[in-house]
Amino acid sequence: MSFYAQLEAAARRNNTLLCVGLDPTPEVCPTRFHTRDQDDYDALLRWNRAVIEATSDLVCCYKPNIAFYEALGLAGLTLLRETIAAIPADIPVLLDAKRGDIGSSAAAYARACFDELGVDAVTLSPYLGEDSIAPFAAYEGKGLFVLCHTSNPSAGRFQRLSVSAERSLFVEVAKEAVSWSPAVGLVVGATYPQALADARAVASEAWLLAPGIGAQGGDLEGTLAAGLRGDGLGLLISATRSITQAEDPRQAAADLRDRINRAQTVGASFVVAQGRRPPKGSEERAARNSALLSAHTLKELIVGLAKLNALQFGDFILASGKRSPLYVDLRLLVSQPALLQMAAGVYAKALDALACDRIAGIPYAALPIGAAVSLASGIPLIYTRKERKRHGLGKHIEGHWQPGERVVIIEDVVTSGGSIVSSVEMLRAAGLVVEEAVVLLDRQQGGVENLQEIGIRVHSVLVLEEVLDALATTGYISEEMRQEVLASKPITNELPNS
């Protein structure tokens, strides 16, 4: 697996854009890793291993800086090898080496990084041009992060030199470097979000490494808004001291990972406003969307819905007069933004595999959900009205659209499919192409089959049996209740009388 494929897989699996640096020095090594019988080497190795063990499910990459190991002499290079060996095989290793030379020297550097140390990616200096990068690019599947705009203040004296009326030197570096090889990413410090935006403008598909969050005080929200690609990836948030030197590295990493994920909502809004789209090849990656909806994420979503009382178990008398052991009300999602954001994320991942120009929310429960999905996916939202307006323009479809565009329906729950049918008829009558629907919950009562008869393929994030299994295995409901709900027919989302 190539570096970027491995990186993306780890980002999806661990729901993270966090990259943790591993830069040990004897002076700051926590005392808990020292013993009487151990020298600095042993303490530093124990420290690195402890950080890796504590954070490996919270990161998508590790970034050791070779300078901290070279400073320790031969023992330091052994420490680097042992540290790399301690990193799980499914987490890629980016060596921060900043190499840059030409000819045989560059080839020797490349052998040292890739053949001897066996890392997956490396940082490089572009000052000597494409010749200095070519020996590294010759290694198939490796990642190359070229220095573009660094965080140290005095670097701007060179990086921001004007090479034309419209462009600074660092922007020219970004534009030129990504043309050298599809393996090239860029290093752009998180302390300058505008530089990230400028680099992203000329390198729409490249991965950007953004050091400076944490101890250097980089702007996390600004970084995500400026650097995210249209698919919500393409940006590595790097932190070192704020995690490795924390009293509890796992908690520090988890807190930063969660901050990054929350800030992605802001970043996604900016990406939509800028009109960024997913990079080439995203269709193939998106075809694996079922693997991206991890069991952990879905179970967390299911339990969250139950705790919100969007899924209630008991004995309910519905508006029809029928009894049901289950009452579903996903309208409550709007009252818990974090859960709504999680739900919107899994909708967006399901949409990755579908071709569409617009999404359409079904009134009323799916309208706020549809807005959240639009922000998460970058796909414009329209919606049908239950009643045609009798004033103004008298529209029955709200939002901008053109006949012939492909529309995917967004619905919260499918039971019989009736609510979707009426909207599909209205959209098709207006000349829109409607063949797909994404729903959060399929209650397995024939709605999917009914919709197939009118040419609608339903893609369900959750089905009732999976929901009940997850709640039973977590102890939220009893096995008896699981069996009772499965046996009851029909199960509806009608409002209860009491």
Protein backbone atom coordinates (compact mmCIF):
# COMPACT_ATOMS: atom_id res chain seq x y z
CA MET A 1 0.00 0.00 0.00
CA SER A 2 1.33 3.44 -0.93
CA PHE A 3 1.97 6.06 1.74
CA TYR A 4 -1.05 8.16 0.76
CA ALA A 5 -3.39 5.16 0.59
CA GLN A 6 -2.16 4.02 4.00
CA LEU A 7 -2.49 7.56 5.36
CA GLU A 8 -6.04 7.92 4.11
CA ALA A 9 -7.01 4.51 5.45
CA ALA A 10 -5.64 5.40 8.89
CA ALA A 11 -7.40 8.79 8.83
CA ARG A 12 -10.72 7.15 8.00
CA ARG A 13 -10.28 4.25 10.42
CA ASN A 14 -9.29 6.40 13.40
CA ASN A 15 -11.47 9.36 12.40
CA THR A 16 -8.50 11.70 12.66
CA LEU A 17 -6.17 14.09 10.84
CA LEU A 18 -3.71 14.13 13.75
CA CYS A 19 0.00 13.48 13.16
CA VAL A 20 2.14 13.13 16.30
CA GLY A 21 5.81 14.05 16.24
CA LEU A 22 8.33 11.87 18.09
CA ASP A 23 11.24 14.17 18.99
CA PRO A 24 12.82 12.91 22.23
CA THR A 25 15.54 14.76 24.12
CA PRO A 26 17.12 13.69 27.41
CA GLU A 27 16.56 17.13 28.95
CA VAL A 28 12.74 16.89 28.83
CA CYS A 29 12.26 13.14 29.12
CA PRO A 30 9.64 12.56 31.87
CA THR A 31 11.18 11.20 35.07
CA ARG A 32 8.81 8.23 35.08
CA PHE A 33 10.76 6.69 32.21
CA HIS A 34 14.11 6.84 34.04
CA THR A 35 15.41 4.13 36.34
CA ARG A 36 18.72 3.78 38.16
CA ASP A 37 19.93 1.04 35.86
CA GLN A 38 18.98 2.70 32.58
CA ASP A 39 20.84 5.26 30.49
CA ASP A 40 19.27 8.02 28.40
CA TYR A 41 18.80 5.69 25.43
CA ASP A 42 16.61 3.27 27.39
CA ALA A 43 14.55 6.07 28.92
CA LEU A 44 13.96 7.75 25.56
CA LEU A 45 12.94 4.48 23.94
CA ARG A 46 10.49 3.77 26.75
CA TRP A 47 9.10 7.28 26.32
CA ASN A 48 8.60 6.92 22.57
CA ARG A 49 7.02 3.49 22.95
CA ALA A 50 4.67 4.77 25.66
CA VAL A 51 3.51 7.65 23.44
CA ILE A 52 2.95 5.31 20.50
CA GLU A 53 1.05 2.78 22.58
CA ALA A 54 -1.14 5.52 24.09
CA THR A 55 -2.02 7.25 20.80
CA SER A 56 -1.95 4.71 17.96
CA ASP A 57 -5.76 4.66 17.67
CA LEU A 58 -5.96 8.47 17.68
CA VAL A 59 -3.50 9.34 14.91
CA CYS A 60 -3.10 8.76 11.18
CA CYS A 61 0.68 9.26 11.06
CA TYR A 62 3.82 9.56 13.21
CA LYS A 63 6.59 12.05 12.39
CA PRO A 64 9.99 11.52 14.01
CA ASN A 65 12.41 14.38 13.37
CA ILE A 66 15.78 12.86 12.51
CA ALA A 67 17.71 15.79 14.06
CA PHE A 68 16.82 14.73 17.61
CA TYR A 69 18.16 11.23 16.94
CA GLU A 70 21.31 12.29 15.08
CA ALA A 71 22.15 14.57 18.02
CA LEU A 72 22.52 11.43 20.17
CA GLY A 73 25.18 9.88 17.91
CA LEU A 74 25.16 6.22 16.92
CA ALA A 75 22.87 5.36 19.82
CA GLY A 76 20.36 7.88 18.49
CA LEU A 77 20.16 6.17 15.10
CA THR A 78 19.51 2.88 16.88
CA LEU A 79 16.84 4.65 18.90
CA LEU A 80 15.24 5.88 15.67
CA ARG A 81 15.18 2.36 14.21
CA GLU A 82 13.64 0.96 17.42
CA THR A 83 11.07 3.75 17.47
CA ILE A 84 10.04 3.10 13.86
CA ALA A 85 9.77 -0.62 14.63
CA ALA A 86 7.40 0.16 17.54
CA ILE A 87 4.90 1.96 15.29
CA PRO A 88 1.98 -0.28 14.20
CA ALA A 89 2.25 -1.46 10.62
CA ASP A 90 -1.02 0.21 9.63
CA ILE A 91 0.17 3.69 10.71
CA PRO A 92 2.56 5.35 8.20
CA VAL A 93 5.84 6.96 9.27
CA LEU A 94 6.86 10.38 7.95
CA LEU A 95 10.53 11.14 8.60
CA ASP A 96 11.10 14.86 9.13
CA ALA A 97 14.56 15.12 7.53
CA LYS A 98 14.32 18.20 5.25
CA ARG A 99 16.87 16.72 2.86
CA GLY A 100 17.85 18.60 -0.28
CA ASP A 101 20.75 17.94 -2.64
CA ILE A 102 21.37 16.86 -6.20
CA GLY A 103 22.82 13.87 -8.05
CA SER A 104 24.50 11.11 -6.08
CA SER A 105 24.02 12.96 -2.79
CA ALA A 106 20.24 13.08 -3.16
CA ALA A 107 20.20 9.41 -4.19
CA ALA A 108 22.20 8.55 -1.08
CA TYR A 109 19.79 10.48 1.13
CA ALA A 110 16.87 8.64 -0.49
CA ARG A 111 18.50 5.24 0.16
CA ALA A 112 19.13 6.20 3.78
CA CYS A 113 15.50 7.18 4.32
CA PHE A 114 13.68 4.52 2.37
CA ASP A 115 16.02 1.51 2.16
CA GLU A 116 17.89 1.76 5.45
CA LEU A 117 15.31 3.27 7.77
CA GLY A 118 12.27 1.97 5.89
CA VAL A 119 10.08 5.05 6.42
CA ASP A 120 7.01 5.74 4.28
CA ALA A 121 7.52 9.44 3.59
CA VAL A 122 10.06 12.22 4.08
CA THR A 123 10.24 16.02 4.20
CA LEU A 124 12.44 17.65 1.54
CA SER A 125 13.87 21.05 0.67
CA PRO A 126 13.05 22.34 -2.83
CA TYR A 127 15.79 24.95 -3.09
CA LEU A 128 17.91 22.91 -5.52
CA GLY A 129 14.95 22.23 -7.78
CA GLU A 130 13.43 19.11 -9.26
CA ASP A 131 16.83 17.41 -9.53
CA SER A 132 16.99 17.19 -5.74
CA ILE A 133 13.55 15.56 -5.51
CA ALA A 134 13.78 13.09 -8.41
CA PRO A 135 15.81 10.37 -6.58
CA PHE A 136 13.15 10.29 -3.84
CA ALA A 137 10.31 10.28 -6.37
CA ALA A 138 11.88 7.23 -7.99
CA TYR A 139 10.74 5.19 -4.97
CA GLU A 140 7.23 4.11 -5.92
CA GLY A 141 4.58 4.54 -3.25
CA LYS A 142 6.56 6.88 -0.99
CA GLY A 143 5.34 10.30 0.15
CA LEU A 144 7.40 13.47 -0.39
CA PHE A 145 6.57 16.62 1.60
CA VAL A 146 8.32 19.65 0.14
CA LEU A 147 8.97 22.68 2.36
CA CYS A 148 6.77 25.51 1.13
CA HIS A 149 5.96 28.00 3.90
CA THR A 150 7.45 27.34 7.33
CA SER A 151 6.40 28.72 10.70
CA ASN A 152 9.60 30.45 11.79
CA PRO A 153 9.10 34.24 11.52
CA SER A 154 12.31 35.14 9.63
CA ALA A 155 11.55 32.67 6.83
CA GLY A 156 9.11 35.15 5.35
CA ARG A 157 12.03 37.29 4.17
CA PHE A 158 12.62 34.69 1.46
CA GLN A 159 9.33 32.81 1.22
CA ARG A 160 7.26 35.95 0.58
CA LEU A 161 9.53 37.51 -2.02
CA SER A 162 7.46 38.58 -5.01
CA VAL A 163 8.23 36.63 -8.17
CA SER A 164 5.41 38.32 -10.09
CA ALA A 165 2.74 40.94 -9.50
CA GLU A 166 0.35 38.26 -8.23
CA ARG A 167 2.55 35.58 -6.67
CA SER A 168 5.03 35.14 -3.81
CA LEU A 169 7.97 32.75 -3.98
CA PHE A 170 6.34 30.17 -1.68
CA VAL A 171 3.27 30.00 -3.95
CA GLU A 172 5.54 29.45 -6.96
CA VAL A 173 7.30 26.68 -5.00
CA ALA A 174 3.93 25.04 -4.28
CA LYS A 175 2.80 25.25 -7.91
CA GLU A 176 6.10 23.96 -9.27
CA ALA A 177 6.69 21.21 -6.69
CA VAL A 178 3.36 19.45 -7.17
CA SER A 179 4.10 19.26 -10.90
CA TRP A 180 7.24 17.20 -10.25
CA SER A 181 5.46 14.09 -8.99
CA PRO A 182 2.00 13.00 -7.79
CA ALA A 183 3.83 11.87 -4.62
CA VAL A 184 4.61 15.48 -3.65
CA GLY A 185 2.81 17.08 -0.72
CA LEU A 186 3.66 20.42 0.86
CA VAL A 187 4.74 21.64 4.31
CA VAL A 188 2.86 24.82 5.26
CA GLY A 189 2.93 26.02 8.87
CA ALA A 190 -0.35 26.25 10.77
CA THR A 191 0.65 29.65 12.18
CA TYR A 192 -0.13 31.22 8.80
CA PRO A 193 -3.59 30.06 7.62
CA GLN A 194 -3.56 32.47 4.66
CA ALA A 195 -0.41 30.77 3.38
CA LEU A 196 -2.24 27.45 3.61
CA ALA A 197 -5.11 28.90 1.58
CA ASP A 198 -2.69 30.25 -1.03
CA ALA A 199 -0.93 26.88 -1.29
CA ARG A 200 -4.23 25.01 -1.52
CA ALA A 201 -5.34 27.30 -4.34
CA VAL A 202 -2.49 26.07 -6.57
CA ALA A 203 -2.26 22.50 -5.18
CA SER A 204 -5.88 21.39 -4.99
CA GLU A 205 -5.15 17.66 -4.67
CA ALA A 206 -1.95 17.56 -2.62
CA TRP A 207 -1.69 16.59 1.02
CA LEU A 208 -0.52 19.48 3.20
CA LEU A 209 1.49 18.94 6.39
CA ALA A 210 0.66 21.72 8.86
CA PRO A 211 3.02 21.82 11.85
CA GLY A 212 2.57 24.44 14.54
CA ILE A 213 -0.66 23.43 16.30
CA GLY A 214 -0.15 22.99 20.02
CA ALA A 215 2.99 24.43 21.58
CA GLN A 216 3.49 26.91 18.71
CA GLY A 217 -0.08 28.21 19.03
CA GLY A 218 -1.27 27.74 15.45
CA ASP A 219 -4.86 28.61 14.51
CA LEU A 220 -6.63 25.24 14.31
CA GLU A 221 -9.95 26.47 12.90
CA GLY A 222 -8.23 28.74 10.39
CA THR A 223 -5.89 25.94 9.38
CA LEU A 224 -8.73 23.52 8.65
CA ALA A 225 -10.77 26.12 6.79
CA ALA A 226 -7.77 27.04 4.64
CA GLY A 227 -6.23 23.63 4.03
CA LEU A 228 -8.93 20.97 3.73
CA ARG A 229 -9.57 19.40 0.37
CA GLY A 230 -13.09 18.99 -0.95
CA ASP A 231 -13.24 15.44 0.41
CA GLY A 232 -12.47 16.57 3.96
CA LEU A 233 -8.95 15.10 3.83
CA GLY A 234 -5.64 16.32 2.43
CA LEU A 235 -4.44 17.98 5.62
CA LEU A 236 -2.16 16.61 8.35
CA ILE A 237 -2.31 18.48 11.66
CA SER A 238 1.05 17.92 13.33
CA ALA A 239 1.70 18.30 17.07
CA THR A 240 4.63 17.13 19.17
CA ARG A 241 5.45 18.72 22.52
CA SER A 242 1.85 19.39 23.49
CA ILE A 243 1.26 15.63 23.35
CA THR A 244 4.54 13.85 24.06
CA GLN A 245 5.40 16.08 27.04
CA ALA A 246 1.89 16.03 28.50
CA GLU A 247 1.28 14.29 31.80
CA ASP A 248 -1.24 12.09 29.98
CA PRO A 249 -0.28 11.87 26.28
CA ARG A 250 -3.37 9.83 25.40
CA GLN A 251 -5.72 12.42 26.87
CA ALA A 252 -3.80 15.24 25.19
CA ALA A 253 -3.99 13.45 21.83
CA ALA A 254 -7.68 12.63 22.28
CA ASP A 255 -8.47 16.23 23.18
CA LEU A 256 -6.64 17.56 20.13
CA ARG A 257 -8.18 14.93 17.85
CA ASP A 258 -11.64 15.93 19.11
CA ARG A 259 -10.85 19.64 18.65
CA ILE A 260 -9.77 18.90 15.08
CA ASN A 261 -12.96 16.97 14.38
CA ARG A 262 -15.16 19.73 15.82
CA ALA A 263 -13.28 22.36 13.87
CA GLN A 264 -13.83 20.38 10.66
CA THR A 265 -17.41 21.65 10.66
CA VAL A 266 -16.07 25.19 10.33
CA GLY A 267 -13.57 24.02 7.75
CA ALA A 268 -16.23 22.19 5.76
CA SER A 269 -18.37 25.34 5.60
CA PHE A 270 -15.46 27.30 4.18
CA VAL A 271 -14.65 24.54 1.69
CA VAL A 272 -18.25 24.62 0.46
CA ALA A 273 -18.12 28.40 0.13
CA GLN A 274 -14.92 28.14 -1.87
CA GLY A 275 -16.42 25.51 -4.16
CA ARG A 276 -13.63 22.99 -3.58
CA ARG A 277 -14.40 19.52 -4.92
CA PRO A 278 -12.87 16.14 -4.10
CA PRO A 279 -9.60 15.28 -5.89
CA LYS A 280 -9.35 13.06 -8.94
CA GLY A 281 -9.72 9.42 -8.08
CA SER A 282 -12.06 10.10 -5.18
CA GLU A 283 -14.79 8.14 -6.95
CA GLU A 284 -12.72 4.97 -6.69
CA ARG A 285 -11.91 5.61 -3.05
CA ALA A 286 -15.53 6.41 -2.29
CA ALA A 287 -16.61 3.04 -3.70
CA ARG A 288 -15.20 1.60 -0.49
CA ASN A 289 -17.54 3.76 1.62
CA SER A 290 -19.00 0.77 3.46
CA ALA A 291 -15.55 0.12 4.93
CA LEU A 292 -15.21 3.76 5.93
CA LEU A 293 -18.36 3.65 8.07
CA SER A 294 -16.54 1.91 10.89
CA ALA A 295 -18.36 -0.30 13.34
CA HIS A 296 -17.11 1.93 16.16
CA THR A 297 -18.58 5.09 14.62
CA LEU A 298 -21.93 3.47 13.87
CA LYS A 299 -22.22 1.93 17.32
CA GLU A 300 -21.42 5.30 18.88
CA LEU A 301 -24.13 6.88 16.71
CA ILE A 302 -26.71 4.22 17.62
CA VAL A 303 -26.11 4.54 21.35
CA GLY A 304 -26.18 8.33 21.03
CA LEU A 305 -29.60 8.16 19.37
CA ALA A 306 -30.90 5.94 22.16
CA LYS A 307 -29.55 8.27 24.86
CA LEU A 308 -31.18 11.21 23.06
CA ASN A 309 -34.50 9.32 23.20
CA ALA A 310 -34.64 9.38 19.41
CA LEU A 311 -35.01 5.61 19.89
CA GLN A 312 -37.36 4.77 22.75
CA PHE A 313 -38.38 1.34 23.98
CA GLY A 314 -41.49 0.47 25.96
CA ASP A 315 -45.20 0.30 25.20
CA PHE A 316 -46.42 3.13 22.99
CA ILE A 317 -49.89 3.84 21.66
CA LEU A 318 -49.45 5.48 18.29
CA ALA A 319 -51.73 7.95 16.51
CA SER A 320 -53.18 5.04 14.54
CA GLY A 321 -54.24 3.39 17.79
CA LYS A 322 -51.74 0.57 17.31
CA ARG A 323 -49.22 -0.45 19.95
CA SER A 324 -45.49 -0.58 19.35
CA PRO A 325 -42.50 -1.42 21.57
CA LEU A 326 -40.36 1.09 19.64
CA TYR A 327 -40.82 4.79 18.96
CA VAL A 328 -38.43 6.53 16.56
CA ASP A 329 -38.13 10.33 16.46
CA LEU A 330 -35.00 11.50 14.66
CA ARG A 331 -36.28 15.08 14.74
CA LEU A 332 -34.52 15.27 18.11
CA LEU A 333 -31.13 15.22 16.34
CA VAL A 334 -31.33 19.00 15.91
CA SER A 335 -31.06 19.40 19.69
CA GLN A 336 -27.67 17.72 19.93
CA PRO A 337 -25.23 19.31 17.45
CA ALA A 338 -22.38 16.83 18.03
CA LEU A 339 -24.63 13.86 17.26
CA LEU A 340 -26.14 15.66 14.27
CA GLN A 341 -22.62 16.29 12.99
CA MET A 342 -21.76 12.60 13.40
CA ALA A 343 -24.91 11.58 11.54
CA ALA A 344 -24.18 14.09 8.78
CA GLY A 345 -20.70 12.61 8.44
CA VAL A 346 -21.96 9.09 7.81
CA TYR A 347 -24.52 10.39 5.32
CA ALA A 348 -21.69 12.24 3.55
CA LYS A 349 -19.57 9.10 3.36
CA ALA A 350 -22.47 7.19 1.84
CA LEU A 351 -22.92 10.00 -0.71
CA ASP A 352 -19.27 9.67 -1.76
CA ALA A 353 -20.17 6.62 -3.83
CA LEU A 354 -23.07 8.31 -5.64
CA ALA A 355 -23.10 10.70 -8.58
CA CYS A 356 -25.22 13.75 -7.80
CA ASP A 357 -25.46 17.49 -8.35
CA ARG A 358 -27.90 18.19 -5.51
CA ILE A 359 -29.32 16.52 -2.43
CA ALA A 360 -32.98 16.93 -1.51
CA GLY A 361 -34.22 16.83 2.08
CA ILE A 362 -37.68 15.41 2.75
CA PRO A 363 -39.94 17.62 4.90
CA TYR A 364 -39.84 17.93 7.78
CA ALA A 365 -37.45 15.79 9.83
CA ALA A 366 -34.85 15.52 7.06
CA LEU A 367 -34.64 19.25 6.35
CA PRO A 368 -32.22 20.15 9.18
CA ILE A 369 -30.45 16.84 8.62
CA GLY A 370 -30.12 17.69 4.95
CA ALA A 371 -28.58 21.07 5.79
CA ALA A 372 -26.00 19.36 8.01
CA VAL A 373 -25.26 16.79 5.28
CA SER A 374 -24.80 19.59 2.75
CA LEU A 375 -22.20 21.23 4.99
CA ALA A 376 -20.43 17.91 5.59
CA SER A 377 -20.39 16.83 1.94
CA GLY A 378 -20.18 20.11 0.06
CA ILE A 379 -23.20 19.11 -2.06
CA PRO A 380 -25.88 21.82 -2.52
CA LEU A 381 -29.28 21.25 -0.88
CA ILE A 382 -32.77 21.70 -2.31
CA TYR A 383 -36.07 20.61 -0.83
CA THR A 384 -39.69 20.15 -1.83
CA ARG A 385 -42.52 21.96 -0.11
CA LYS A 386 -45.51 20.07 1.24
CA GLU A 387 -47.73 22.86 -0.03
CA ARG A 388 -47.03 25.12 -3.02
CA LYS A 389 -46.50 28.75 -2.03
CA ARG A 390 -49.50 30.93 -2.86
CA HIS A 391 -47.47 34.12 -2.76
CA GLY A 392 -44.18 35.37 -4.16
CA LEU A 393 -42.91 33.03 -6.89
CA GLY A 394 -45.24 30.20 -5.91
CA LYS A 395 -42.40 27.69 -5.90
CA HIS A 396 -42.80 24.08 -4.81
CA ILE A 397 -39.05 23.29 -4.89
CA GLU A 398 -36.78 25.56 -2.87
CA GLY A 399 -33.14 26.23 -3.74
CA HIS A 400 -31.16 26.61 -6.98
CA TRP A 401 -31.35 23.79 -9.52
CA GLN A 402 -31.53 23.09 -13.24
CA PRO A 403 -33.56 20.45 -15.12
CA GLY A 404 -31.44 17.40 -15.91
CA GLU A 405 -29.40 17.57 -12.71
CA ARG A 406 -29.04 14.40 -10.63
CA VAL A 407 -30.59 14.58 -7.17
CA VAL A 408 -30.15 12.17 -4.24
CA ILE A 409 -32.93 12.07 -1.66
CA ILE A 410 -31.98 12.55 2.01
CA GLU A 411 -34.45 11.01 4.50
CA ASP A 412 -34.21 10.17 8.18
CA VAL A 413 -36.17 6.90 8.28
CA VAL A 414 -37.76 4.66 5.67
CA THR A 415 -40.77 2.55 6.66
CA SER A 416 -43.18 2.24 3.73
CA GLY A 417 -41.41 4.85 1.62
CA GLY A 418 -44.51 6.98 1.13
CA SER A 419 -42.96 10.30 2.11
CA ILE A 420 -40.13 9.76 -0.37
CA VAL A 421 -42.49 8.83 -3.21
CA SER A 422 -44.35 12.15 -3.16
CA SER A 423 -41.10 14.17 -3.24
CA VAL A 424 -39.65 12.01 -6.02
CA GLU A 425 -42.74 12.61 -8.14
CA MET A 426 -42.47 16.37 -7.63
CA LEU A 427 -38.75 16.47 -8.43
CA ARG A 428 -39.09 14.29 -11.52
CA ALA A 429 -41.99 16.40 -12.76
CA ALA A 430 -39.64 19.39 -12.65
CA GLY A 431 -37.15 17.60 -14.92
CA LEU A 432 -34.68 16.44 -12.26
CA VAL A 433 -33.13 12.95 -12.35
CA VAL A 434 -33.87 11.09 -9.12
CA GLU A 435 -32.70 7.49 -8.78
CA GLU A 436 -31.02 7.27 -5.33
CA ALA A 437 -31.92 7.90 -1.70
CA VAL A 438 -29.78 7.83 1.44
CA VAL A 439 -31.56 7.15 4.74
CA LEU A 440 -30.21 6.96 8.26
CA LEU A 441 -32.45 4.08 9.35
CA ASP A 442 -34.26 1.37 7.37
CA ARG A 443 -36.83 -0.28 9.61
CA GLN A 444 -37.03 -3.25 7.24
CA GLN A 445 -40.76 -3.00 6.68
CA GLY A 446 -40.86 -3.08 2.90
CA GLY A 447 -40.04 0.58 2.17
CA VAL A 448 -36.82 -0.23 0.33
CA GLU A 449 -38.65 -2.73 -1.89
CA ASN A 450 -41.52 -0.30 -2.51
CA LEU A 451 -39.12 2.39 -3.63
CA GLN A 452 -37.30 -0.01 -5.96
CA GLU A 453 -40.58 -0.35 -7.86
CA ILE A 454 -40.47 3.35 -8.78
CA GLY A 455 -36.77 3.24 -9.68
CA ILE A 456 -35.25 4.46 -6.40
CA ARG A 457 -32.24 2.63 -4.95
CA VAL A 458 -32.09 3.13 -1.19
CA HIS A 459 -28.71 3.27 0.60
CA SER A 460 -29.25 2.74 4.32
CA VAL A 461 -26.64 3.78 6.87
CA LEU A 462 -28.37 1.67 9.53
CA VAL A 463 -30.95 -1.12 9.41
CA LEU A 464 -33.19 -2.01 12.32
CA GLU A 465 -31.63 -5.39 13.08
CA GLU A 466 -28.14 -3.84 13.30
CA VAL A 467 -29.44 -1.12 15.62
CA LEU A 468 -31.07 -3.64 17.93
CA ASP A 469 -27.98 -5.87 17.92
CA ALA A 470 -25.74 -2.93 18.85
CA LEU A 471 -28.00 -1.82 21.69
CA ALA A 472 -28.33 -5.36 23.01
CA THR A 473 -24.59 -6.05 22.95
CA THR A 474 -23.88 -2.78 24.79
CA GLY A 475 -26.51 -3.63 27.41
CA TYR A 476 -28.74 -0.69 26.50
CA ILE A 477 -31.70 -3.00 25.87
CA SER A 478 -32.36 -6.59 26.93
CA GLU A 479 -32.35 -9.56 24.59
CA GLU A 480 -36.06 -9.94 25.31
CA MET A 481 -36.74 -6.38 24.13
CA ARG A 482 -34.67 -7.00 20.99
CA GLN A 483 -36.77 -10.04 20.17
CA GLU A 484 -40.01 -8.21 20.94
CA VAL A 485 -39.20 -5.34 18.59
CA LEU A 486 -38.16 -7.69 15.81
CA ALA A 487 -41.37 -9.64 16.19
CA SER A 488 -43.67 -6.59 16.21
CA LYS A 489 -45.35 -5.46 13.01
CA PRO A 490 -45.77 -2.75 12.05
CA ILE A 491 -43.25 -0.42 13.67
CA THR A 492 -43.85 3.19 12.69
CA ASN A 493 -42.66 6.64 13.54
CA GLU A 494 -46.13 7.98 14.18
CA LEU A 495 -46.35 10.28 17.12
CA PRO A 496 -47.61 8.50 20.26
CA ASN A 497 -50.84 9.67 21.85
CA SER A 498 -49.10 10.10 25.17
